[in-house]
Amino acid sequence: MKLVYFNDTGRLVKIHPATVNHGCVVNKEPIKPLQEREFILPEGTYPWVKMWDYGEYGLSILVSPVTDNS
């Protein structure tokens, strides 16, 4: 599965390290404003997404694959 994130925040968005540790394939460079980024998830999963705002330290996004047990 592929998730495409579009950064419309006007700020730099950093990729949380757990995104890769949890099994996503992604370019780990920060996502610039108005830039898209593809997150490739393992087969048979769907994305769980969380974003944090660390104020002056910027934004961070976590994309974690979740197994579809339905």
Protein backbone atom coordinates (compact mmCIF):
# COMPACT_ATOMS: atom_id res chain seq x y z
CA MET A 1 0.00 0.00 0.00
CA LYS A 2 1.13 3.54 -0.70
CA LEU A 3 0.25 6.68 1.26
CA VAL A 4 0.99 10.07 -0.31
CA TYR A 5 1.31 12.97 2.13
CA PHE A 6 1.10 16.56 0.85
CA ASN A 7 2.71 19.16 3.12
CA ASP A 8 0.30 22.08 3.14
CA THR A 9 1.42 23.31 6.58
CA GLY A 10 3.78 26.00 5.32
CA ARG A 11 6.47 24.46 7.57
CA LEU A 12 9.11 21.77 7.35
CA VAL A 13 7.84 18.31 8.42
CA LYS A 14 10.39 15.82 9.76
CA ILE A 15 9.91 12.05 9.46
CA HIS A 16 9.69 10.38 12.90
CA PRO A 17 12.38 7.63 13.10
CA ALA A 18 9.80 5.02 14.16
CA THR A 19 8.20 5.35 10.71
CA VAL A 20 11.08 3.37 9.20
CA ASN A 21 11.49 1.14 12.27
CA HIS A 22 7.83 0.10 11.97
CA GLY A 23 8.30 -1.02 8.36
CA CYS A 24 7.55 1.93 6.06
CA VAL A 25 9.84 2.70 3.16
CA VAL A 26 10.25 6.47 2.78
CA ASN A 27 12.81 9.13 1.94
CA LYS A 28 13.75 10.35 5.44
CA GLU A 29 14.64 13.89 4.36
CA PRO A 30 12.32 16.54 5.87
CA ILE A 31 9.26 17.33 3.74
CA LYS A 32 9.33 20.91 2.48
CA PRO A 33 6.17 23.04 2.21
CA LEU A 34 4.07 22.19 -0.87
CA GLN A 35 6.03 18.95 -1.37
CA GLU A 36 4.55 15.43 -1.60
CA ARG A 37 6.10 12.36 0.00
CA GLU A 38 5.27 8.69 -0.63
CA PHE A 39 5.19 6.24 2.25
CA ILE A 40 5.29 2.60 1.09
CA LEU A 41 3.66 0.25 3.60
CA PRO A 42 3.99 -3.54 3.79
CA GLU A 43 1.37 -5.58 1.92
CA GLY A 44 -1.82 -6.19 3.93
CA THR A 45 -1.47 -3.11 6.13
CA TYR A 46 -3.03 0.34 6.35
CA PRO A 47 -1.49 3.57 7.71
CA TRP A 48 -1.91 4.93 11.23
CA VAL A 49 -0.76 8.56 11.12
CA LYS A 50 0.17 10.96 13.92
CA MET A 51 1.71 14.43 13.72
CA TRP A 52 3.35 16.41 16.51
CA ASP A 53 3.97 20.15 16.67
CA TYR A 54 7.13 20.88 18.63
CA GLY A 55 6.75 24.64 18.22
CA GLU A 56 10.07 26.22 17.31
CA TYR A 57 11.58 22.75 16.74
CA GLY A 58 9.13 21.99 13.93
CA LEU A 59 6.61 19.34 12.96
CA SER A 60 7.14 15.58 13.00
CA ILE A 61 5.03 12.91 11.27
CA LEU A 62 4.78 9.23 12.18
CA VAL A 63 3.29 6.76 9.71
CA SER A 64 2.94 3.29 11.19
CA PRO A 65 1.63 0.22 9.32
CA VAL A 66 -1.25 -1.57 11.02
CA THR A 67 -2.27 -5.09 10.04
CA ASP A 68 -5.79 -5.46 8.70
CA ASN A 69 -7.26 -8.37 10.68
CA SER A 70 -10.81 -8.12 9.34
